[in-house]
Amino acid sequence: GAVSYSITQMKSNSIIPFNCLWIADLAVDENCRRMGVAGKLMEAIKATAREEGIDRIQLNVNALNSGAILLYEKQGFVPEMIRMEYILDKEG
């Protein structure tokens, strides 16, 4: 298919004080990019989230994926945090 995605809903609790929809994965086939497919999907996700009483939508995006960052910014997403990574040398 042209689009692949995975979504999880987190209900508010003592650690997370809001209802959150988490986009775990979103991908558009290379041949279908720049056609508005991802934007339409994001609009549908936001509409469904509003209907379900979700307070916010969150996701991770690779800092090097400028196309995805631009898409999310156009959709109104703003950076919330920076996740850092250290890759251990397998040699020791």
PDB file of N, CA and C in Angstrom:
ATOM      1  N   GLY A   1       0.805  -1.185   0.000  1.00  0.00           N
ATOM      2  CA  GLY A   1       0.000   0.000   0.000  1.00  0.00           C
ATOM      3  C   GLY A   1       0.854   1.257   0.000  1.00  0.00           C
ATOM      4  N   ALA A   2       0.222   2.355  -0.224  1.00  0.00           N
ATOM      5  CA  ALA A   2       0.909   3.641  -0.291  1.00  0.00           C
ATOM      6  C   ALA A   2       1.267   4.182   1.083  1.00  0.00           C
ATOM      7  N   VAL A   3       0.466   3.816   2.093  1.00  0.00           N
ATOM      8  CA  VAL A   3       0.662   4.383   3.426  1.00  0.00           C
ATOM      9  C   VAL A   3       0.700   3.276   4.456  1.00  0.00           C
ATOM     10  N   SER A   4       1.573   3.442   5.434  1.00  0.00           N
ATOM     11  CA  SER A   4       1.648   2.526   6.564  1.00  0.00           C
ATOM     12  C   SER A   4       1.688   3.365   7.823  1.00  0.00           C
ATOM     13  N   TYR A   5       0.899   2.982   8.834  1.00  0.00           N
ATOM     14  CA  TYR A   5       0.937   3.727  10.084  1.00  0.00           C
ATOM     15  C   TYR A   5       0.517   2.863  11.258  1.00  0.00           C
ATOM     16  N   SER A   6       0.914   3.293  12.441  1.00  0.00           N
ATOM     17  CA  SER A   6       0.569   2.619  13.679  1.00  0.00           C
ATOM     18  C   SER A   6       0.259   3.688  14.717  1.00  0.00           C
ATOM     19  N   ILE A   7      -0.883   3.544  15.395  1.00  0.00           N
ATOM     20  CA  ILE A   7      -1.327   4.552  16.359  1.00  0.00           C
ATOM     21  C   ILE A   7      -1.711   3.865  17.662  1.00  0.00           C
ATOM     22  N   THR A   8      -1.367   4.487  18.780  1.00  0.00           N
ATOM     23  CA  THR A   8      -1.723   4.005  20.105  1.00  0.00           C
ATOM     24  C   THR A   8      -2.359   5.145  20.873  1.00  0.00           C
ATOM     25  N   GLN A   9      -3.383   4.843  21.670  1.00  0.00           N
ATOM     26  CA  GLN A   9      -4.001   5.871  22.506  1.00  0.00           C
ATOM     27  C   GLN A   9      -3.604   5.623  23.953  1.00  0.00           C
ATOM     28  N   MET A  10      -3.142   6.679  24.637  1.00  0.00           N
ATOM     29  CA  MET A  10      -2.793   6.595  26.046  1.00  0.00           C
ATOM     30  C   MET A  10      -3.797   7.421  26.834  1.00  0.00           C
ATOM     31  N   LYS A  11      -4.417   6.806  27.826  1.00  0.00           N
ATOM     32  CA  LYS A  11      -5.363   7.514  28.679  1.00  0.00           C
ATOM     33  C   LYS A  11      -4.606   8.226  29.798  1.00  0.00           C
ATOM     34  N   SER A  12      -5.189   9.315  30.284  1.00  0.00           N
ATOM     35  CA  SER A  12      -4.538  10.057  31.365  1.00  0.00           C
ATOM     36  C   SER A  12      -4.461   9.183  32.616  1.00  0.00           C
ATOM     37  N   ASN A  13      -3.398   9.383  33.377  1.00  0.00           N
ATOM     38  CA  ASN A  13      -3.205   8.690  34.655  1.00  0.00           C
ATOM     39  C   ASN A  13      -2.312   9.560  35.523  1.00  0.00           C
ATOM     40  N   SER A  14      -1.777   9.018  36.604  1.00  0.00           N
ATOM     41  CA  SER A  14      -0.966   9.831  37.518  1.00  0.00           C
ATOM     42  C   SER A  14       0.357  10.277  36.888  1.00  0.00           C
ATOM     43  N   ILE A  15       0.822   9.571  35.852  1.00  0.00           N
ATOM     44  CA  ILE A  15       2.083   9.933  35.202  1.00  0.00           C
ATOM     45  C   ILE A  15       1.826  10.815  33.985  1.00  0.00           C
ATOM     46  N   ILE A  16       0.800  10.490  33.220  1.00  0.00           N
ATOM     47  CA  ILE A  16       0.446  11.251  32.010  1.00  0.00           C
ATOM     48  C   ILE A  16      -0.891  11.941  32.282  1.00  0.00           C
ATOM     49  N   PRO A  17      -0.880  13.254  32.541  1.00  0.00           N
ATOM     50  CA  PRO A  17      -2.116  13.945  32.944  1.00  0.00           C
ATOM     51  C   PRO A  17      -2.997  14.390  31.772  1.00  0.00           C
ATOM     52  N   PHE A  18      -2.941  13.702  30.653  1.00  0.00           N
ATOM     53  CA  PHE A  18      -3.749  14.069  29.492  1.00  0.00           C
ATOM     54  C   PHE A  18      -3.988  12.826  28.639  1.00  0.00           C
ATOM     55  N   ASN A  19      -5.018  12.876  27.809  1.00  0.00           N
ATOM     56  CA  ASN A  19      -5.288  11.796  26.860  1.00  0.00           C
ATOM     57  C   ASN A  19      -4.469  12.073  25.602  1.00  0.00           C
ATOM     58  N   CYS A  20      -3.674  11.110  25.214  1.00  0.00           N
ATOM     59  CA  CYS A  20      -2.730  11.316  24.124  1.00  0.00           C
ATOM     60  C   CYS A  20      -2.872  10.231  23.071  1.00  0.00           C
ATOM     61  N   LEU A  21      -2.841  10.638  21.829  1.00  0.00           N
ATOM     62  CA  LEU A  21      -2.773   9.700  20.723  1.00  0.00           C
ATOM     63  C   LEU A  21      -1.316   9.704  20.255  1.00  0.00           C
ATOM     64  N   TRP A  22      -0.710   8.546  20.225  1.00  0.00           N
ATOM     65  CA  TRP A  22       0.704   8.417  19.879  1.00  0.00           C
ATOM     66  C   TRP A  22       0.832   7.808  18.488  1.00  0.00           C
ATOM     67  N   ILE A  23       1.432   8.523  17.572  1.00  0.00           N
ATOM     68  CA  ILE A  23       1.706   7.985  16.240  1.00  0.00           C
ATOM     69  C   ILE A  23       3.062   7.295  16.319  1.00  0.00           C
ATOM     70  N   ALA A  24       3.027   5.973  16.350  1.00  0.00           N
ATOM     71  CA  ALA A  24       4.251   5.193  16.506  1.00  0.00           C
ATOM     72  C   ALA A  24       5.014   5.086  15.194  1.00  0.00           C
ATOM     73  N   ASP A  25       4.279   5.109  14.090  1.00  0.00           N
ATOM     74  CA  ASP A  25       4.937   4.942  12.798  1.00  0.00           C
ATOM     75  C   ASP A  25       4.039   5.511  11.713  1.00  0.00           C
ATOM     76  N   LEU A  26       4.624   6.223  10.767  1.00  0.00           N
ATOM     77  CA  LEU A  26       3.883   6.730   9.624  1.00  0.00           C
ATOM     78  C   LEU A  26       4.840   6.754   8.441  1.00  0.00           C
ATOM     79  N   ALA A  27       4.478   6.073   7.375  1.00  0.00           N
ATOM     80  CA  ALA A  27       5.347   6.029   6.199  1.00  0.00           C
ATOM     81  C   ALA A  27       4.500   6.089   4.939  1.00  0.00           C
ATOM     82  N   VAL A  28       4.989   6.798   3.938  1.00  0.00           N
ATOM     83  CA  VAL A  28       4.334   6.886   2.628  1.00  0.00           C
ATOM     84  C   VAL A  28       5.315   6.338   1.598  1.00  0.00           C
ATOM     85  N   ASP A  29       4.830   5.463   0.750  1.00  0.00           N
ATOM     86  CA  ASP A  29       5.648   4.885  -0.307  1.00  0.00           C
ATOM     87  C   ASP A  29       6.316   5.999  -1.116  1.00  0.00           C
ATOM     88  N   GLU A  30       7.570   5.789  -1.483  1.00  0.00           N
ATOM     89  CA  GLU A  30       8.327   6.807  -2.239  1.00  0.00           C
ATOM     90  C   GLU A  30       7.579   7.296  -3.475  1.00  0.00           C
ATOM     91  N   ASN A  31       6.891   6.394  -4.162  1.00  0.00           N
ATOM     92  CA  ASN A  31       6.173   6.754  -5.389  1.00  0.00           C
ATOM     93  C   ASN A  31       4.926   7.599  -5.129  1.00  0.00           C
ATOM     94  N   CYS A  32       4.515   7.693  -3.873  1.00  0.00           N
ATOM     95  CA  CYS A  32       3.290   8.436  -3.531  1.00  0.00           C
ATOM     96  C   CYS A  32       3.576   9.699  -2.721  1.00  0.00           C
ATOM     97  N   ARG A  33       4.837  10.025  -2.532  1.00  0.00           N
ATOM     98  CA  ARG A  33       5.192  11.223  -1.762  1.00  0.00           C
ATOM     99  C   ARG A  33       4.953  12.480  -2.581  1.00  0.00           C
ATOM    100  N   ARG A  34       4.794  13.586  -1.876  1.00  0.00           N
ATOM    101  CA  ARG A  34       4.557  14.909  -2.487  1.00  0.00           C
ATOM    102  C   ARG A  34       3.231  14.960  -3.256  1.00  0.00           C
ATOM    103  N   MET A  35       2.284  14.116  -2.834  1.00  0.00           N
ATOM    104  CA  MET A  35       0.953  14.095  -3.459  1.00  0.00           C
ATOM    105  C   MET A  35      -0.127  14.473  -2.448  1.00  0.00           C
ATOM    106  N   GLY A  36       0.277  14.825  -1.226  1.00  0.00           N
ATOM    107  CA  GLY A  36      -0.692  15.208  -0.206  1.00  0.00           C
ATOM    108  C   GLY A  36      -1.262  14.048   0.592  1.00  0.00           C
ATOM    109  N   VAL A  37      -0.750  12.835   0.353  1.00  0.00           N
ATOM    110  CA  VAL A  37      -1.270  11.651   1.034  1.00  0.00           C
ATOM    111  C   VAL A  37      -1.063  11.748   2.548  1.00  0.00           C
ATOM    112  N   ALA A  38       0.142  12.039   2.978  1.00  0.00           N
ATOM    113  CA  ALA A  38       0.438  12.103   4.417  1.00  0.00           C
ATOM    114  C   ALA A  38      -0.342  13.245   5.081  1.00  0.00           C
ATOM    115  N   GLY A  39      -0.457  14.379   4.406  1.00  0.00           N
ATOM    116  CA  GLY A  39      -1.211  15.501   4.959  1.00  0.00           C
ATOM    117  C   GLY A  39      -2.675  15.155   5.172  1.00  0.00           C
ATOM    118  N   LYS A  40      -3.268  14.453   4.200  1.00  0.00           N
ATOM    119  CA  LYS A  40      -4.666  14.030   4.336  1.00  0.00           C
ATOM    120  C   LYS A  40      -4.826  13.021   5.467  1.00  0.00           C
ATOM    121  N   LEU A  41      -3.860  12.120   5.590  1.00  0.00           N
ATOM    122  CA  LEU A  41      -3.896  11.158   6.687  1.00  0.00           C
ATOM    123  C   LEU A  41      -3.799  11.877   8.031  1.00  0.00           C
ATOM    124  N   MET A  42      -2.889  12.842   8.130  1.00  0.00           N
ATOM    125  CA  MET A  42      -2.740  13.589   9.386  1.00  0.00           C
ATOM    126  C   MET A  42      -4.024  14.348   9.720  1.00  0.00           C
ATOM    127  N   GLU A  43      -4.674  14.934   8.728  1.00  0.00           N
ATOM    128  CA  GLU A  43      -5.938  15.640   8.974  1.00  0.00           C
ATOM    129  C   GLU A  43      -7.003  14.670   9.491  1.00  0.00           C
ATOM    130  N   ALA A  44      -7.060  13.478   8.911  1.00  0.00           N
ATOM    131  CA  ALA A  44      -8.023  12.468   9.367  1.00  0.00           C
ATOM    132  C   ALA A  44      -7.714  12.016  10.786  1.00  0.00           C
ATOM    133  N   ILE A  45      -6.431  11.836  11.092  1.00  0.00           N
ATOM    134  CA  ILE A  45      -6.026  11.441  12.450  1.00  0.00           C
ATOM    135  C   ILE A  45      -6.435  12.520  13.445  1.00  0.00           C
ATOM    136  N   LYS A  46      -6.177  13.787  13.113  1.00  0.00           N
ATOM    137  CA  LYS A  46      -6.539  14.884  14.023  1.00  0.00           C
ATOM    138  C   LYS A  46      -8.046  14.965  14.223  1.00  0.00           C
ATOM    139  N   ALA A  47      -8.821  14.783  13.161  1.00  0.00           N
ATOM    140  CA  ALA A  47     -10.285  14.831  13.282  1.00  0.00           C
ATOM    141  C   ALA A  47     -10.790  13.700  14.177  1.00  0.00           C
ATOM    142  N   THR A  48     -10.272  12.505  13.974  1.00  0.00           N
ATOM    143  CA  THR A  48     -10.670  11.362  14.796  1.00  0.00           C
ATOM    144  C   THR A  48     -10.275  11.585  16.255  1.00  0.00           C
ATOM    145  N   ALA A  49      -9.090  12.119  16.472  1.00  0.00           N
ATOM    146  CA  ALA A  49      -8.635  12.387  17.840  1.00  0.00           C
ATOM    147  C   ALA A  49      -9.572  13.375  18.537  1.00  0.00           C
ATOM    148  N   ARG A  50      -9.982  14.420  17.837  1.00  0.00           N
ATOM    149  CA  ARG A  50     -10.928  15.388  18.423  1.00  0.00           C
ATOM    150  C   ARG A  50     -12.237  14.704  18.799  1.00  0.00           C
ATOM    151  N   GLU A  51     -12.753  13.866  17.897  1.00  0.00           N
ATOM    152  CA  GLU A  51     -14.006  13.147  18.146  1.00  0.00           C
ATOM    153  C   GLU A  51     -13.903  12.229  19.360  1.00  0.00           C
ATOM    154  N   GLU A  52     -12.715  11.683  19.590  1.00  0.00           N
ATOM    155  CA  GLU A  52     -12.496  10.752  20.695  1.00  0.00           C
ATOM    156  C   GLU A  52     -12.107  11.452  22.003  1.00  0.00           C
ATOM    157  N   GLY A  53     -12.052  12.768  21.995  1.00  0.00           N
ATOM    158  CA  GLY A  53     -11.719  13.505  23.215  1.00  0.00           C
ATOM    159  C   GLY A  53     -10.241  13.495  23.567  1.00  0.00           C
ATOM    160  N   ILE A  54      -9.402  13.295  22.569  1.00  0.00           N
ATOM    161  CA  ILE A  54      -7.952  13.288  22.786  1.00  0.00           C
ATOM    162  C   ILE A  54      -7.479  14.728  22.997  1.00  0.00           C
ATOM    163  N   ASP A  55      -6.556  14.910  23.948  1.00  0.00           N
ATOM    164  CA  ASP A  55      -6.016  16.233  24.245  1.00  0.00           C
ATOM    165  C   ASP A  55      -4.867  16.630  23.331  1.00  0.00           C
ATOM    166  N   ARG A  56      -4.067  15.649  22.926  1.00  0.00           N
ATOM    167  CA  ARG A  56      -2.897  15.948  22.094  1.00  0.00           C
ATOM    168  C   ARG A  56      -2.437  14.724  21.321  1.00  0.00           C
ATOM    169  N   ILE A  57      -1.668  14.990  20.289  1.00  0.00           N
ATOM    170  CA  ILE A  57      -1.080  13.938  19.460  1.00  0.00           C
ATOM    171  C   ILE A  57       0.431  14.102  19.546  1.00  0.00           C
ATOM    172  N   GLN A  58       1.125  12.993  19.753  1.00  0.00           N
ATOM    173  CA  GLN A  58       2.579  13.037  19.843  1.00  0.00           C
ATOM    174  C   GLN A  58       3.195  12.015  18.901  1.00  0.00           C
ATOM    175  N   LEU A  59       4.443  12.263  18.531  1.00  0.00           N
ATOM    176  CA  LEU A  59       5.191  11.334  17.680  1.00  0.00           C
ATOM    177  C   LEU A  59       6.674  11.633  17.800  1.00  0.00           C
ATOM    178  N   ASN A  60       7.486  10.722  17.347  1.00  0.00           N
ATOM    179  CA  ASN A  60       8.921  10.938  17.207  1.00  0.00           C
ATOM    180  C   ASN A  60       9.222  11.081  15.725  1.00  0.00           C
ATOM    181  N   VAL A  61      10.222  11.883  15.414  1.00  0.00           N
ATOM    182  CA  VAL A  61      10.663  12.005  14.030  1.00  0.00           C
ATOM    183  C   VAL A  61      12.192  12.080  14.033  1.00  0.00           C
ATOM    184  N   ASN A  62      12.807  11.407  13.090  1.00  0.00           N
ATOM    185  CA  ASN A  62      14.261  11.436  12.972  1.00  0.00           C
ATOM    186  C   ASN A  62      14.705  12.855  12.627  1.00  0.00           C
ATOM    187  N   ALA A  63      15.676  13.368  13.347  1.00  0.00           N
ATOM    188  CA  ALA A  63      16.159  14.736  13.152  1.00  0.00           C
ATOM    189  C   ALA A  63      16.697  14.964  11.734  1.00  0.00           C
ATOM    190  N   LEU A  64      17.068  13.907  11.036  1.00  0.00           N
ATOM    191  CA  LEU A  64      17.601  14.034   9.683  1.00  0.00           C
ATOM    192  C   LEU A  64      16.519  13.934   8.605  1.00  0.00           C
ATOM    193  N   ASN A  65      15.275  13.650   9.007  1.00  0.00           N
ATOM    194  CA  ASN A  65      14.183  13.477   8.044  1.00  0.00           C
ATOM    195  C   ASN A  65      13.477  14.819   7.831  1.00  0.00           C
ATOM    196  N   SER A  66      14.105  15.674   7.031  1.00  0.00           N
ATOM    197  CA  SER A  66      13.600  17.042   6.848  1.00  0.00           C
ATOM    198  C   SER A  66      12.212  17.072   6.208  1.00  0.00           C
ATOM    199  N   GLY A  67      11.911  16.109   5.332  1.00  0.00           N
ATOM    200  CA  GLY A  67      10.594  16.063   4.711  1.00  0.00           C
ATOM    201  C   GLY A  67       9.496  15.807   5.730  1.00  0.00           C
ATOM    202  N   ALA A  68       9.740  14.866   6.628  1.00  0.00           N
ATOM    203  CA  ALA A  68       8.754  14.552   7.669  1.00  0.00           C
ATOM    204  C   ALA A  68       8.616  15.719   8.647  1.00  0.00           C
ATOM    205  N   ILE A  69       9.729  16.325   9.011  1.00  0.00           N
ATOM    206  CA  ILE A  69       9.682  17.469   9.930  1.00  0.00           C
ATOM    207  C   ILE A  69       8.854  18.591   9.312  1.00  0.00           C
ATOM    208  N   LEU A  70       9.073  18.873   8.051  1.00  0.00           N
ATOM    209  CA  LEU A  70       8.308  19.913   7.364  1.00  0.00           C
ATOM    210  C   LEU A  70       6.819  19.576   7.346  1.00  0.00           C
ATOM    211  N   LEU A  71       6.485  18.318   7.053  1.00  0.00           N
ATOM    212  CA  LEU A  71       5.089  17.878   7.066  1.00  0.00           C
ATOM    213  C   LEU A  71       4.463  18.136   8.430  1.00  0.00           C
ATOM    214  N   TYR A  72       5.134  17.687   9.488  1.00  0.00           N
ATOM    215  CA  TYR A  72       4.565  17.823  10.836  1.00  0.00           C
ATOM    216  C   TYR A  72       4.442  19.291  11.235  1.00  0.00           C
ATOM    217  N   GLU A  73       5.425  20.105  10.873  1.00  0.00           N
ATOM    218  CA  GLU A  73       5.330  21.536  11.184  1.00  0.00           C
ATOM    219  C   GLU A  73       4.153  22.176  10.447  1.00  0.00           C
ATOM    220  N   LYS A  74       3.934  21.802   9.188  1.00  0.00           N
ATOM    221  CA  LYS A  74       2.788  22.320   8.434  1.00  0.00           C
ATOM    222  C   LYS A  74       1.472  21.900   9.078  1.00  0.00           C
ATOM    223  N   GLN A  75       1.488  20.755   9.751  1.00  0.00           N
ATOM    224  CA  GLN A  75       0.296  20.250  10.421  1.00  0.00           C
ATOM    225  C   GLN A  75       0.119  20.841  11.823  1.00  0.00           C
ATOM    226  N   GLY A  76       1.053  21.717  12.238  1.00  0.00           N
ATOM    227  CA  GLY A  76       0.921  22.387  13.531  1.00  0.00           C
ATOM    228  C   GLY A  76       1.681  21.748  14.677  1.00  0.00           C
ATOM    229  N   PHE A  77       2.452  20.716  14.394  1.00  0.00           N
ATOM    230  CA  PHE A  77       3.254  20.079  15.443  1.00  0.00           C
ATOM    231  C   PHE A  77       4.438  20.976  15.793  1.00  0.00           C
ATOM    232  N   VAL A  78       4.813  20.960  17.061  1.00  0.00           N
ATOM    233  CA  VAL A  78       5.963  21.737  17.524  1.00  0.00           C
ATOM    234  C   VAL A  78       6.893  20.808  18.304  1.00  0.00           C
ATOM    235  N   PRO A  79       8.193  21.070  18.265  1.00  0.00           N
ATOM    236  CA  PRO A  79       9.128  20.231  19.035  1.00  0.00           C
ATOM    237  C   PRO A  79       8.814  20.320  20.525  1.00  0.00           C
ATOM    238  N   GLU A  80       8.852  19.161  21.175  1.00  0.00           N
ATOM    239  CA  GLU A  80       8.574  19.114  22.608  1.00  0.00           C
ATOM    240  C   GLU A  80       9.811  18.716  23.400  1.00  0.00           C
ATOM    241  N   MET A  81      10.578  17.784  22.874  1.00  0.00           N
ATOM    242  CA  MET A  81      11.761  17.314  23.587  1.00  0.00           C
ATOM    243  C   MET A  81      12.786  16.812  22.586  1.00  0.00           C
ATOM    244  N   ILE A  82      13.980  16.600  23.072  1.00  0.00           N
ATOM    245  CA  ILE A  82      15.034  16.013  22.253  1.00  0.00           C
ATOM    246  C   ILE A  82      15.398  14.680  22.888  1.00  0.00           C
ATOM    247  N   ARG A  83      15.382  13.615  22.097  1.00  0.00           N
ATOM    248  CA  ARG A  83      15.799  12.302  22.575  1.00  0.00           C
ATOM    249  C   ARG A  83      17.233  12.094  22.122  1.00  0.00           C
ATOM    250  N   MET A  84      18.084  11.688  23.035  1.00  0.00           N
ATOM    251  CA  MET A  84      19.498  11.500  22.715  1.00  0.00           C
ATOM    252  C   MET A  84      19.810   9.999  22.718  1.00  0.00           C
ATOM    253  N   GLU A  85      20.827   9.643  21.959  1.00  0.00           N
ATOM    254  CA  GLU A  85      21.193   8.242  21.839  1.00  0.00           C
ATOM    255  C   GLU A  85      22.704   8.112  21.864  1.00  0.00           C
ATOM    256  N   TYR A  86      23.174   7.055  22.515  1.00  0.00           N
ATOM    257  CA  TYR A  86      24.584   6.706  22.506  1.00  0.00           C
ATOM    258  C   TYR A  86      24.675   5.269  22.056  1.00  0.00           C
ATOM    259  N   ILE A  87      25.448   4.994  21.028  1.00  0.00           N
ATOM    260  CA  ILE A  87      25.582   3.622  20.510  1.00  0.00           C
ATOM    261  C   ILE A  87      26.867   3.033  21.071  1.00  0.00           C
ATOM    262  N   LEU A  88      26.703   1.950  21.787  1.00  0.00           N
ATOM    263  CA  LEU A  88      27.846   1.289  22.420  1.00  0.00           C
ATOM    264  C   LEU A  88      28.682   0.551  21.372  1.00  0.00           C
ATOM    265  N   ASP A  89      29.975   0.661  21.530  1.00  0.00           N
ATOM    266  CA  ASP A  89      30.909  -0.062  20.672  1.00  0.00           C
ATOM    267  C   ASP A  89      30.871  -1.540  21.081  1.00  0.00           C
ATOM    268  N   LYS A  90      30.559  -2.418  20.157  1.00  0.00           N
ATOM    269  CA  LYS A  90      30.438  -3.839  20.465  1.00  0.00           C
ATOM    270  C   LYS A  90      31.783  -4.470  20.853  1.00  0.00           C
ATOM    271  N   GLU A  91      32.863  -3.791  20.512  1.00  0.00           N
ATOM    272  CA  GLU A  91      34.213  -4.295  20.816  1.00  0.00           C
ATOM    273  C   GLU A  91      34.562  -4.078  22.284  1.00  0.00           C
ATOM    274  N   GLY A  92      33.879  -3.200  22.961  1.00  0.00           N
ATOM    275  CA  GLY A  92      34.163  -2.996  24.383  1.00  0.00           C
ATOM    276  C   GLY A  92      34.595  -1.616  24.604  1.00  0.00           C
TER     277      GLY A  92
END
